[in-house]
PDB file of N, CA and C in Angstrom:
ATOM      1  N   MET A   1       8.085  30.068  54.772  1.00  0.00           N
ATOM      2  CA  MET A   1       9.201  29.949  53.864  1.00  0.00           C
ATOM      3  C   MET A   1      10.354  30.767  54.416  1.00  0.00           C
ATOM      4  N   ASN A   2      11.482  30.161  54.619  1.00  0.00           N
ATOM      5  CA  ASN A   2      12.641  30.864  55.138  1.00  0.00           C
ATOM      6  C   ASN A   2      13.411  31.503  54.011  1.00  0.00           C
ATOM      7  N   HIS A   3      14.035  32.616  54.300  1.00  0.00           N
ATOM      8  CA  HIS A   3      14.852  33.331  53.340  1.00  0.00           C
ATOM      9  C   HIS A   3      16.283  33.233  53.836  1.00  0.00           C
ATOM     10  N   PRO A   4      17.270  33.116  52.933  1.00  0.00           N
ATOM     11  CA  PRO A   4      18.648  32.972  53.373  1.00  0.00           C
ATOM     12  C   PRO A   4      19.146  34.108  54.256  1.00  0.00           C
ATOM     13  N   HIS A   5      18.603  35.309  54.121  1.00  0.00           N
ATOM     14  CA  HIS A   5      19.024  36.413  54.972  1.00  0.00           C
ATOM     15  C   HIS A   5      18.345  36.389  56.327  1.00  0.00           C
ATOM     16  N   ASP A   6      17.414  35.504  56.518  1.00  0.00           N
ATOM     17  CA  ASP A   6      16.595  35.460  57.726  1.00  0.00           C
ATOM     18  C   ASP A   6      17.112  34.348  58.632  1.00  0.00           C
ATOM     19  N   GLU A   7      18.056  34.665  59.505  1.00  0.00           N
ATOM     20  CA  GLU A   7      18.649  33.658  60.369  1.00  0.00           C
ATOM     21  C   GLU A   7      17.597  32.947  61.188  1.00  0.00           C
ATOM     22  N   GLY A   8      17.490  31.635  60.982  1.00  0.00           N
ATOM     23  CA  GLY A   8      16.557  30.838  61.750  1.00  0.00           C
ATOM     24  C   GLY A   8      15.114  31.077  61.383  1.00  0.00           C
ATOM     25  N   GLY A   9      14.841  31.886  60.374  1.00  0.00           N
ATOM     26  CA  GLY A   9      13.473  32.109  59.935  1.00  0.00           C
ATOM     27  C   GLY A   9      12.705  33.115  60.773  1.00  0.00           C
ATOM     28  N   ALA A  10      13.343  33.744  61.737  1.00  0.00           N
ATOM     29  CA  ALA A  10      12.608  34.688  62.586  1.00  0.00           C
ATOM     30  C   ALA A  10      13.332  36.022  62.639  1.00  0.00           C
ATOM     31  N   SER A  11      12.605  37.075  62.500  1.00  0.00           N
ATOM     32  CA  SER A  11      13.134  38.413  62.689  1.00  0.00           C
ATOM     33  C   SER A  11      12.323  39.040  63.818  1.00  0.00           C
ATOM     34  N   HIS A  12      12.885  40.051  64.432  1.00  0.00           N
ATOM     35  CA  HIS A  12      12.209  40.618  65.591  1.00  0.00           C
ATOM     36  C   HIS A  12      12.013  42.115  65.423  1.00  0.00           C
ATOM     37  N   GLY A  13      10.861  42.601  65.842  1.00  0.00           N
ATOM     38  CA  GLY A  13      10.647  44.011  65.962  1.00  0.00           C
ATOM     39  C   GLY A  13      10.386  44.803  64.707  1.00  0.00           C
ATOM     40  N   ALA A  14       9.983  44.184  63.602  1.00  0.00           N
ATOM     41  CA  ALA A  14       9.649  44.959  62.411  1.00  0.00           C
ATOM     42  C   ALA A  14       8.312  45.649  62.617  1.00  0.00           C
ATOM     43  N   ILE A  15       8.196  46.834  62.061  1.00  0.00           N
ATOM     44  CA  ILE A  15       6.929  47.551  62.068  1.00  0.00           C
ATOM     45  C   ILE A  15       6.298  47.335  60.700  1.00  0.00           C
ATOM     46  N   ALA A  16       5.091  46.799  60.661  1.00  0.00           N
ATOM     47  CA  ALA A  16       4.403  46.519  59.402  1.00  0.00           C
ATOM     48  C   ALA A  16       3.184  47.423  59.263  1.00  0.00           C
ATOM     49  N   ALA A  17       3.045  48.006  58.078  1.00  0.00           N
ATOM     50  CA  ALA A  17       1.917  48.898  57.810  1.00  0.00           C
ATOM     51  C   ALA A  17       1.355  48.595  56.424  1.00  0.00           C
ATOM     52  N   VAL A  18       0.090  48.920  56.249  1.00  0.00           N
ATOM     53  CA  VAL A  18      -0.604  48.735  54.971  1.00  0.00           C
ATOM     54  C   VAL A  18      -0.795  50.116  54.351  1.00  0.00           C
ATOM     55  N   THR A  19      -0.419  50.271  53.076  1.00  0.00           N
ATOM     56  CA  THR A  19      -0.640  51.550  52.410  1.00  0.00           C
ATOM     57  C   THR A  19      -2.137  51.773  52.218  1.00  0.00           C
ATOM     58  N   ASP A  20      -2.532  53.022  52.030  1.00  0.00           N
ATOM     59  CA  ASP A  20      -3.941  53.339  51.798  1.00  0.00           C
ATOM     60  C   ASP A  20      -4.474  52.606  50.577  1.00  0.00           C
ATOM     61  N   ARG A  21      -3.676  52.569  49.522  1.00  0.00           N
ATOM     62  CA  ARG A  21      -4.090  51.898  48.284  1.00  0.00           C
ATOM     63  C   ARG A  21      -4.346  50.409  48.518  1.00  0.00           C
ATOM     64  N   ALA A  22      -3.427  49.743  49.226  1.00  0.00           N
ATOM     65  CA  ALA A  22      -3.586  48.313  49.494  1.00  0.00           C
ATOM     66  C   ALA A  22      -4.787  48.062  50.405  1.00  0.00           C
ATOM     67  N   ALA A  23      -4.990  48.916  51.393  1.00  0.00           N
ATOM     68  CA  ALA A  23      -6.134  48.756  52.302  1.00  0.00           C
ATOM     69  C   ALA A  23      -7.450  48.904  51.547  1.00  0.00           C
ATOM     70  N   GLN A  24      -7.518  49.882  50.655  1.00  0.00           N
ATOM     71  CA  GLN A  24      -8.736  50.089  49.877  1.00  0.00           C
ATOM     72  C   GLN A  24      -9.006  48.898  48.971  1.00  0.00           C
ATOM     73  N   ARG A  25      -7.977  48.394  48.319  1.00  0.00           N
ATOM     74  CA  ARG A  25      -8.133  47.244  47.418  1.00  0.00           C
ATOM     75  C   ARG A  25      -8.559  46.010  48.205  1.00  0.00           C
ATOM     76  N   ALA A  26      -7.977  45.800  49.375  1.00  0.00           N
ATOM     77  CA  ALA A  26      -8.341  44.652  50.209  1.00  0.00           C
ATOM     78  C   ALA A  26      -9.813  44.739  50.617  1.00  0.00           C
ATOM     79  N   LYS A  27     -10.269  45.944  50.946  1.00  0.00           N
ATOM     80  CA  LYS A  27     -11.674  46.141  51.322  1.00  0.00           C
ATOM     81  C   LYS A  27     -12.579  45.817  50.136  1.00  0.00           C
ATOM     82  N   GLU A  28     -12.221  46.307  48.943  1.00  0.00           N
ATOM     83  CA  GLU A  28     -13.013  46.044  47.739  1.00  0.00           C
ATOM     84  C   GLU A  28     -13.120  44.553  47.436  1.00  0.00           C
ATOM     85  N   LEU A  29     -12.039  43.816  47.687  1.00  0.00           N
ATOM     86  CA  LEU A  29     -11.995  42.381  47.390  1.00  0.00           C
ATOM     87  C   LEU A  29     -12.537  41.518  48.525  1.00  0.00           C
ATOM     88  N   GLY A  30     -12.825  42.129  49.665  1.00  0.00           N
ATOM     89  CA  GLY A  30     -13.345  41.373  50.800  1.00  0.00           C
ATOM     90  C   GLY A  30     -12.289  40.579  51.552  1.00  0.00           C
ATOM     91  N   VAL A  31     -11.031  41.059  51.513  1.00  0.00           N
ATOM     92  CA  VAL A  31      -9.947  40.340  52.179  1.00  0.00           C
ATOM     93  C   VAL A  31      -9.264  41.192  53.258  1.00  0.00           C
ATOM     94  N   ALA A  32      -9.953  42.225  53.740  1.00  0.00           N
ATOM     95  CA  ALA A  32      -9.354  43.132  54.721  1.00  0.00           C
ATOM     96  C   ALA A  32      -8.921  42.399  55.997  1.00  0.00           C
ATOM     97  N   GLU A  33      -9.754  41.491  56.474  1.00  0.00           N
ATOM     98  CA  GLU A  33      -9.415  40.752  57.699  1.00  0.00           C
ATOM     99  C   GLU A  33      -8.198  39.849  57.473  1.00  0.00           C
ATOM    100  N   ALA A  34      -8.167  39.166  56.344  1.00  0.00           N
ATOM    101  CA  ALA A  34      -7.025  38.297  56.024  1.00  0.00           C
ATOM    102  C   ALA A  34      -5.749  39.127  55.858  1.00  0.00           C
ATOM    103  N   LEU A  35      -5.875  40.329  55.283  1.00  0.00           N
ATOM    104  CA  LEU A  35      -4.707  41.195  55.108  1.00  0.00           C
ATOM    105  C   LEU A  35      -4.183  41.663  56.467  1.00  0.00           C
ATOM    106  N   GLU A  36      -5.074  41.954  57.397  1.00  0.00           N
ATOM    107  CA  GLU A  36      -4.639  42.359  58.736  1.00  0.00           C
ATOM    108  C   GLU A  36      -3.902  41.214  59.439  1.00  0.00           C
ATOM    109  N   THR A  37      -4.374  39.993  59.244  1.00  0.00           N
ATOM    110  CA  THR A  37      -3.687  38.831  59.811  1.00  0.00           C
ATOM    111  C   THR A  37      -2.280  38.712  59.234  1.00  0.00           C
ATOM    112  N   LEU A  38      -2.162  38.899  57.917  1.00  0.00           N
ATOM    113  CA  LEU A  38      -0.844  38.862  57.273  1.00  0.00           C
ATOM    114  C   LEU A  38       0.030  39.998  57.798  1.00  0.00           C
ATOM    115  N   ARG A  39      -0.522  41.197  57.930  1.00  0.00           N
ATOM    116  CA  ARG A  39       0.263  42.325  58.440  1.00  0.00           C
ATOM    117  C   ARG A  39       0.868  42.009  59.806  1.00  0.00           C
ATOM    118  N   ALA A  40       0.067  41.426  60.678  1.00  0.00           N
ATOM    119  CA  ALA A  40       0.559  41.067  62.014  1.00  0.00           C
ATOM    120  C   ALA A  40       1.665  40.011  61.933  1.00  0.00           C
ATOM    121  N   GLU A  41       1.505  39.052  61.034  1.00  0.00           N
ATOM    122  CA  GLU A  41       2.530  38.016  60.876  1.00  0.00           C
ATOM    123  C   GLU A  41       3.831  38.598  60.330  1.00  0.00           C
ATOM    124  N   LEU A  42       3.726  39.584  59.436  1.00  0.00           N
ATOM    125  CA  LEU A  42       4.922  40.197  58.850  1.00  0.00           C
ATOM    126  C   LEU A  42       5.750  40.957  59.884  1.00  0.00           C
ATOM    127  N   GLU A  43       5.142  41.359  60.981  1.00  0.00           N
ATOM    128  CA  GLU A  43       5.920  41.987  62.051  1.00  0.00           C
ATOM    129  C   GLU A  43       6.935  41.018  62.641  1.00  0.00           C
ATOM    130  N   HIS A  44       6.624  39.733  62.587  1.00  0.00           N
ATOM    131  CA  HIS A  44       7.511  38.704  63.137  1.00  0.00           C
ATOM    132  C   HIS A  44       8.322  37.997  62.055  1.00  0.00           C
ATOM    133  N   ARG A  45       7.770  37.932  60.839  1.00  0.00           N
ATOM    134  CA  ARG A  45       8.427  37.235  59.729  1.00  0.00           C
ATOM    135  C   ARG A  45       8.374  38.114  58.477  1.00  0.00           C
ATOM    136  N   PRO A  46       9.141  39.210  58.454  1.00  0.00           N
ATOM    137  CA  PRO A  46       9.042  40.167  57.355  1.00  0.00           C
ATOM    138  C   PRO A  46       9.497  39.635  55.998  1.00  0.00           C
ATOM    139  N   ARG A  47      10.202  38.531  55.977  1.00  0.00           N
ATOM    140  CA  ARG A  47      10.655  37.949  54.713  1.00  0.00           C
ATOM    141  C   ARG A  47       9.748  36.800  54.268  1.00  0.00           C
ATOM    142  N   LEU A  48       8.531  36.783  54.752  1.00  0.00           N
ATOM    143  CA  LEU A  48       7.564  35.758  54.386  1.00  0.00           C
ATOM    144  C   LEU A  48       7.214  35.897  52.905  1.00  0.00           C
ATOM    145  N   GLY A  49       7.118  34.795  52.219  1.00  0.00           N
ATOM    146  CA  GLY A  49       6.707  34.817  50.820  1.00  0.00           C
ATOM    147  C   GLY A  49       7.851  34.564  49.868  1.00  0.00           C
ATOM    148  N   ARG A  50       7.597  34.865  48.614  1.00  0.00           N
ATOM    149  CA  ARG A  50       8.580  34.646  47.549  1.00  0.00           C
ATOM    150  C   ARG A  50       9.323  35.947  47.307  1.00  0.00           C
ATOM    151  N   HIS A  51      10.657  35.878  47.399  1.00  0.00           N
ATOM    152  CA  HIS A  51      11.483  37.060  47.153  1.00  0.00           C
ATOM    153  C   HIS A  51      11.412  37.401  45.670  1.00  0.00           C
ATOM    154  N   ILE A  52      11.053  38.632  45.356  1.00  0.00           N
ATOM    155  CA  ILE A  52      10.961  39.088  43.970  1.00  0.00           C
ATOM    156  C   ILE A  52      12.297  39.674  43.533  1.00  0.00           C
ATOM    157  N   ARG A  53      12.771  40.658  44.283  1.00  0.00           N
ATOM    158  CA  ARG A  53      14.065  41.270  44.006  1.00  0.00           C
ATOM    159  C   ARG A  53      14.395  42.254  45.115  1.00  0.00           C
ATOM    160  N   THR A  54      15.633  42.745  45.090  1.00  0.00           N
ATOM    161  CA  THR A  54      16.077  43.763  46.031  1.00  0.00           C
ATOM    162  C   THR A  54      16.401  45.013  45.230  1.00  0.00           C
ATOM    163  N   ILE A  55      15.927  46.148  45.707  1.00  0.00           N
ATOM    164  CA  ILE A  55      16.165  47.425  45.044  1.00  0.00           C
ATOM    165  C   ILE A  55      16.796  48.393  46.031  1.00  0.00           C
ATOM    166  N   THR A  56      17.287  49.509  45.513  1.00  0.00           N
ATOM    167  CA  THR A  56      17.781  50.579  46.366  1.00  0.00           C
ATOM    168  C   THR A  56      16.799  51.729  46.264  1.00  0.00           C
ATOM    169  N   GLU A  57      16.286  52.155  47.403  1.00  0.00           N
ATOM    170  CA  GLU A  57      15.305  53.236  47.476  1.00  0.00           C
ATOM    171  C   GLU A  57      15.846  54.279  48.442  1.00  0.00           C
ATOM    172  N   SER A  58      16.169  55.461  47.940  1.00  0.00           N
ATOM    173  CA  SER A  58      16.742  56.541  48.762  1.00  0.00           C
ATOM    174  C   SER A  58      18.001  56.080  49.494  1.00  0.00           C
ATOM    175  N   GLY A  59      18.829  55.294  48.817  1.00  0.00           N
ATOM    176  CA  GLY A  59      20.080  54.822  49.396  1.00  0.00           C
ATOM    177  C   GLY A  59      19.948  53.641  50.338  1.00  0.00           C
ATOM    178  N   GLN A  60      18.750  53.120  50.510  1.00  0.00           N
ATOM    179  CA  GLN A  60      18.504  52.004  51.430  1.00  0.00           C
ATOM    180  C   GLN A  60      18.098  50.762  50.640  1.00  0.00           C
ATOM    181  N   GLN A  61      18.613  49.617  51.038  1.00  0.00           N
ATOM    182  CA  GLN A  61      18.230  48.354  50.413  1.00  0.00           C
ATOM    183  C   GLN A  61      16.810  47.994  50.838  1.00  0.00           C
ATOM    184  N   VAL A  62      15.959  47.681  49.850  1.00  0.00           N
ATOM    185  CA  VAL A  62      14.575  47.296  50.114  1.00  0.00           C
ATOM    186  C   VAL A  62      14.323  45.987  49.387  1.00  0.00           C
ATOM    187  N   GLU A  63      13.837  44.991  50.119  1.00  0.00           N
ATOM    188  CA  GLU A  63      13.550  43.670  49.555  1.00  0.00           C
ATOM    189  C   GLU A  63      12.060  43.583  49.237  1.00  0.00           C
ATOM    190  N   LEU A  64      11.736  43.164  48.017  1.00  0.00           N
ATOM    191  CA  LEU A  64      10.345  43.032  47.597  1.00  0.00           C
ATOM    192  C   LEU A  64       9.936  41.570  47.625  1.00  0.00           C
ATOM    193  N   TYR A  65       8.748  41.306  48.181  1.00  0.00           N
ATOM    194  CA  TYR A  65       8.223  39.951  48.323  1.00  0.00           C
ATOM    195  C   TYR A  65       6.793  39.876  47.827  1.00  0.00           C
ATOM    196  N   SER A  66       6.385  38.674  47.432  1.00  0.00           N
ATOM    197  CA  SER A  66       4.999  38.399  47.072  1.00  0.00           C
ATOM    198  C   SER A  66       4.519  37.245  47.944  1.00  0.00           C
ATOM    199  N   THR A  67       3.360  37.414  48.550  1.00  0.00           N
ATOM    200  CA  THR A  67       2.778  36.395  49.416  1.00  0.00           C
ATOM    201  C   THR A  67       1.351  36.132  48.962  1.00  0.00           C
ATOM    202  N   ARG A  68       0.960  34.874  48.896  1.00  0.00           N
ATOM    203  CA  ARG A  68      -0.389  34.501  48.469  1.00  0.00           C
ATOM    204  C   ARG A  68      -1.270  34.274  49.694  1.00  0.00           C
ATOM    205  N   ILE A  69      -2.459  34.854  49.658  1.00  0.00           N
ATOM    206  CA  ILE A  69      -3.469  34.571  50.676  1.00  0.00           C
ATOM    207  C   ILE A  69      -4.499  33.680  49.998  1.00  0.00           C
ATOM    208  N   GLU A  70      -4.691  32.503  50.558  1.00  0.00           N
ATOM    209  CA  GLU A  70      -5.639  31.539  49.990  1.00  0.00           C
ATOM    210  C   GLU A  70      -7.054  32.100  50.004  1.00  0.00           C
ATOM    211  N   GLY A  71      -7.806  31.745  48.998  1.00  0.00           N
ATOM    212  CA  GLY A  71      -9.205  32.142  48.944  1.00  0.00           C
ATOM    213  C   GLY A  71     -10.060  31.235  49.822  1.00  0.00           C
ATOM    214  N   ASP A  72     -11.250  31.674  50.102  1.00  0.00           N
ATOM    215  CA  ASP A  72     -12.223  30.896  50.864  1.00  0.00           C
ATOM    216  C   ASP A  72     -13.554  30.997  50.136  1.00  0.00           C
ATOM    217  N   PRO A  73     -13.834  30.042  49.219  1.00  0.00           N
ATOM    218  CA  PRO A  73     -15.067  30.114  48.433  1.00  0.00           C
ATOM    219  C   PRO A  73     -16.326  30.176  49.294  1.00  0.00           C
ATOM    220  N   ALA A  74     -16.329  29.496  50.426  1.00  0.00           N
ATOM    221  CA  ALA A  74     -17.507  29.499  51.298  1.00  0.00           C
ATOM    222  C   ALA A  74     -17.788  30.903  51.846  1.00  0.00           C
ATOM    223  N   ALA A  75     -16.725  31.650  52.077  1.00  0.00           N
ATOM    224  CA  ALA A  75     -16.879  33.006  52.609  1.00  0.00           C
ATOM    225  C   ALA A  75     -16.920  34.049  51.484  1.00  0.00           C
ATOM    226  N   GLY A  76     -16.778  33.586  50.238  1.00  0.00           N
ATOM    227  CA  GLY A  76     -16.787  34.507  49.106  1.00  0.00           C
ATOM    228  C   GLY A  76     -15.517  35.326  48.992  1.00  0.00           C
ATOM    229  N   ARG A  77     -14.422  34.810  49.570  1.00  0.00           N
ATOM    230  CA  ARG A  77     -13.149  35.534  49.555  1.00  0.00           C
ATOM    231  C   ARG A  77     -12.240  34.953  48.468  1.00  0.00           C
ATOM    232  N   PRO A  78     -11.797  35.786  47.517  1.00  0.00           N
ATOM    233  CA  PRO A  78     -10.917  35.287  46.462  1.00  0.00           C
ATOM    234  C   PRO A  78      -9.479  35.115  46.959  1.00  0.00           C
ATOM    235  N   ALA A  79      -8.723  34.302  46.259  1.00  0.00           N
ATOM    236  CA  ALA A  79      -7.289  34.222  46.522  1.00  0.00           C
ATOM    237  C   ALA A  79      -6.657  35.505  45.990  1.00  0.00           C
ATOM    238  N   VAL A  80      -5.695  36.030  46.730  1.00  0.00           N
ATOM    239  CA  VAL A  80      -5.017  37.256  46.309  1.00  0.00           C
ATOM    240  C   VAL A  80      -3.514  37.111  46.502  1.00  0.00           C
ATOM    241  N   ASN A  81      -2.775  37.914  45.756  1.00  0.00           N
ATOM    242  CA  ASN A  81      -1.337  38.030  45.945  1.00  0.00           C
ATOM    243  C   ASN A  81      -1.070  39.402  46.546  1.00  0.00           C
ATOM    244  N   VAL A  82      -0.225  39.416  47.563  1.00  0.00           N
ATOM    245  CA  VAL A  82       0.100  40.643  48.279  1.00  0.00           C
ATOM    246  C   VAL A  82       1.582  40.934  48.059  1.00  0.00           C
ATOM    247  N   VAL A  83       1.868  42.160  47.634  1.00  0.00           N
ATOM    248  CA  VAL A  83       3.252  42.581  47.439  1.00  0.00           C
ATOM    249  C   VAL A  83       3.640  43.454  48.617  1.00  0.00           C
ATOM    250  N   HIS A  84       4.774  43.098  49.247  1.00  0.00           N
ATOM    251  CA  HIS A  84       5.237  43.922  50.357  1.00  0.00           C
ATOM    252  C   HIS A  84       6.733  44.191  50.232  1.00  0.00           C
ATOM    253  N   ALA A  85       7.139  45.322  50.797  1.00  0.00           N
ATOM    254  CA  ALA A  85       8.526  45.758  50.765  1.00  0.00           C
ATOM    255  C   ALA A  85       9.074  45.735  52.183  1.00  0.00           C
ATOM    256  N   TYR A  86      10.249  45.127  52.327  1.00  0.00           N
ATOM    257  CA  TYR A  86      10.892  45.035  53.638  1.00  0.00           C
ATOM    258  C   TYR A  86      12.193  45.824  53.606  1.00  0.00           C
ATOM    259  N   ALA A  87      12.307  46.795  54.496  1.00  0.00           N
ATOM    260  CA  ALA A  87      13.525  47.580  54.657  1.00  0.00           C
ATOM    261  C   ALA A  87      14.164  47.154  55.973  1.00  0.00           C
ATOM    262  N   PRO A  88      15.172  46.253  55.890  1.00  0.00           N
ATOM    263  CA  PRO A  88      15.728  45.684  57.118  1.00  0.00           C
ATOM    264  C   PRO A  88      16.379  46.695  58.052  1.00  0.00           C
ATOM    265  N   ALA A  89      17.179  47.603  57.563  1.00  0.00           N
ATOM    266  CA  ALA A  89      17.821  48.612  58.383  1.00  0.00           C
ATOM    267  C   ALA A  89      19.069  49.109  57.678  1.00  0.00           C
ATOM    268  N   PRO A  90      19.669  50.208  58.007  1.00  0.00           N
ATOM    269  CA  PRO A  90      19.015  51.217  58.804  1.00  0.00           C
ATOM    270  C   PRO A  90      17.917  51.899  58.022  1.00  0.00           C
ATOM    271  N   PRO A  91      17.067  52.690  58.461  1.00  0.00           N
ATOM    272  CA  PRO A  91      16.950  53.104  59.860  1.00  0.00           C
ATOM    273  C   PRO A  91      16.303  52.017  60.707  1.00  0.00           C
ATOM    274  N   TRP A  92      16.469  52.174  61.980  1.00  0.00           N
ATOM    275  CA  TRP A  92      15.846  51.237  62.907  1.00  0.00           C
ATOM    276  C   TRP A  92      14.511  51.781  63.326  1.00  0.00           C
ATOM    277  N   PRO A  93      13.558  51.030  63.638  1.00  0.00           N
ATOM    278  CA  PRO A  93      13.495  49.580  63.468  1.00  0.00           C
ATOM    279  C   PRO A  93      13.201  49.219  62.017  1.00  0.00           C
ATOM    280  N   PRO A  94      13.399  47.940  61.685  1.00  0.00           N
ATOM    281  CA  PRO A  94      13.071  47.479  60.340  1.00  0.00           C
ATOM    282  C   PRO A  94      11.580  47.697  60.060  1.00  0.00           C
ATOM    283  N   THR A  95      11.251  47.950  58.799  1.00  0.00           N
ATOM    284  CA  THR A  95       9.863  48.210  58.440  1.00  0.00           C
ATOM    285  C   THR A  95       9.397  47.347  57.275  1.00  0.00           C
ATOM    286  N   VAL A  96       8.103  47.065  57.265  1.00  0.00           N
ATOM    287  CA  VAL A  96       7.448  46.352  56.174  1.00  0.00           C
ATOM    288  C   VAL A  96       6.306  47.234  55.690  1.00  0.00           C
ATOM    289  N   ARG A  97       6.223  47.401  54.376  1.00  0.00           N
ATOM    290  CA  ARG A  97       5.153  48.201  53.780  1.00  0.00           C
ATOM    291  C   ARG A  97       4.378  47.311  52.817  1.00  0.00           C
ATOM    292  N   ILE A  98       3.123  47.012  53.145  1.00  0.00           N
ATOM    293  CA  ILE A  98       2.269  46.246  52.237  1.00  0.00           C
ATOM    294  C   ILE A  98       1.773  47.235  51.199  1.00  0.00           C
ATOM    295  N   ALA A  99       2.207  47.020  49.952  1.00  0.00           N
ATOM    296  CA  ALA A  99       1.994  48.020  48.915  1.00  0.00           C
ATOM    297  C   ALA A  99       0.852  47.715  47.958  1.00  0.00           C
ATOM    298  N   ASN A 100       0.531  46.436  47.748  1.00  0.00           N
ATOM    299  CA  ASN A 100      -0.484  46.126  46.747  1.00  0.00           C
ATOM    300  C   ASN A 100      -1.156  44.796  47.047  1.00  0.00           C
ATOM    301  N   VAL A 101      -2.435  44.715  46.685  1.00  0.00           N
ATOM    302  CA  VAL A 101      -3.221  43.487  46.803  1.00  0.00           C
ATOM    303  C   VAL A 101      -3.841  43.252  45.435  1.00  0.00           C
ATOM    304  N   VAL A 102      -3.528  42.087  44.845  1.00  0.00           N
ATOM    305  CA  VAL A 102      -3.974  41.792  43.487  1.00  0.00           C
ATOM    306  C   VAL A 102      -4.749  40.480  43.496  1.00  0.00           C
ATOM    307  N   PRO A 103      -5.977  40.471  42.929  1.00  0.00           N
ATOM    308  CA  PRO A 103      -6.722  39.216  42.879  1.00  0.00           C
ATOM    309  C   PRO A 103      -6.013  38.228  41.958  1.00  0.00           C
ATOM    310  N   GLU A 104      -6.047  36.983  42.345  1.00  0.00           N
ATOM    311  CA  GLU A 104      -5.414  35.946  41.532  1.00  0.00           C
ATOM    312  C   GLU A 104      -6.313  35.612  40.344  1.00  0.00           C
ATOM    313  N   ASP A 105      -5.729  35.543  39.178  1.00  0.00           N
ATOM    314  CA  ASP A 105      -6.499  35.133  37.993  1.00  0.00           C
ATOM    315  C   ASP A 105      -6.796  33.655  38.100  1.00  0.00           C
ATOM    316  N   THR A 106      -8.038  33.321  37.895  1.00  0.00           N
ATOM    317  CA  THR A 106      -8.415  31.909  37.903  1.00  0.00           C
ATOM    318  C   THR A 106      -8.475  31.423  36.465  1.00  0.00           C
ATOM    319  N   PRO A 107      -8.054  30.191  36.231  1.00  0.00           N
ATOM    320  CA  PRO A 107      -8.108  29.668  34.863  1.00  0.00           C
ATOM    321  C   PRO A 107      -9.548  29.550  34.380  1.00  0.00           C
ATOM    322  N   HIS A 108      -9.754  29.924  33.143  1.00  0.00           N
ATOM    323  CA  HIS A 108     -11.089  29.797  32.553  1.00  0.00           C
ATOM    324  C   HIS A 108     -11.187  28.478  31.830  1.00  0.00           C
ATOM    325  N   PRO A 109     -12.309  27.776  31.989  1.00  0.00           N
ATOM    326  CA  PRO A 109     -12.461  26.488  31.329  1.00  0.00           C
ATOM    327  C   PRO A 109     -12.493  26.654  29.806  1.00  0.00           C
ATOM    328  N   GLU A 110     -11.985  25.640  29.132  1.00  0.00           N
ATOM    329  CA  GLU A 110     -11.999  25.655  27.668  1.00  0.00           C
ATOM    330  C   GLU A 110     -13.442  25.641  27.191  1.00  0.00           C
ATOM    331  N   PRO A 111     -13.767  26.377  26.080  1.00  0.00           N
ATOM    332  CA  PRO A 111     -15.158  26.391  25.591  1.00  0.00           C
ATOM    333  C   PRO A 111     -15.575  25.070  24.997  1.00  0.00           C
TER     334      PRO A 111
END
């Protein structure tokens, strides 16, 4: 998904990291490997996902995004939503912080 601020859909040189809280939650949910794949992709496409809003944090513009990782029932992996924050610059280089991993609520069948 391209974002209007993302010329041509590609950004270069972002540093992406997973917070301790998000890493622990991903491990608990069994999605640590999928989260690492997303982290690597965010280094190249930091505006991946649905833009939630832009905030100012310590005088710097920070863009918040939500990205869905599909579940894999065969592997016992649930679908999750990942919230990440992108700080384009300054300071350089741009950074991405994966802040939270939330399991997707599945609809319950009517009784």
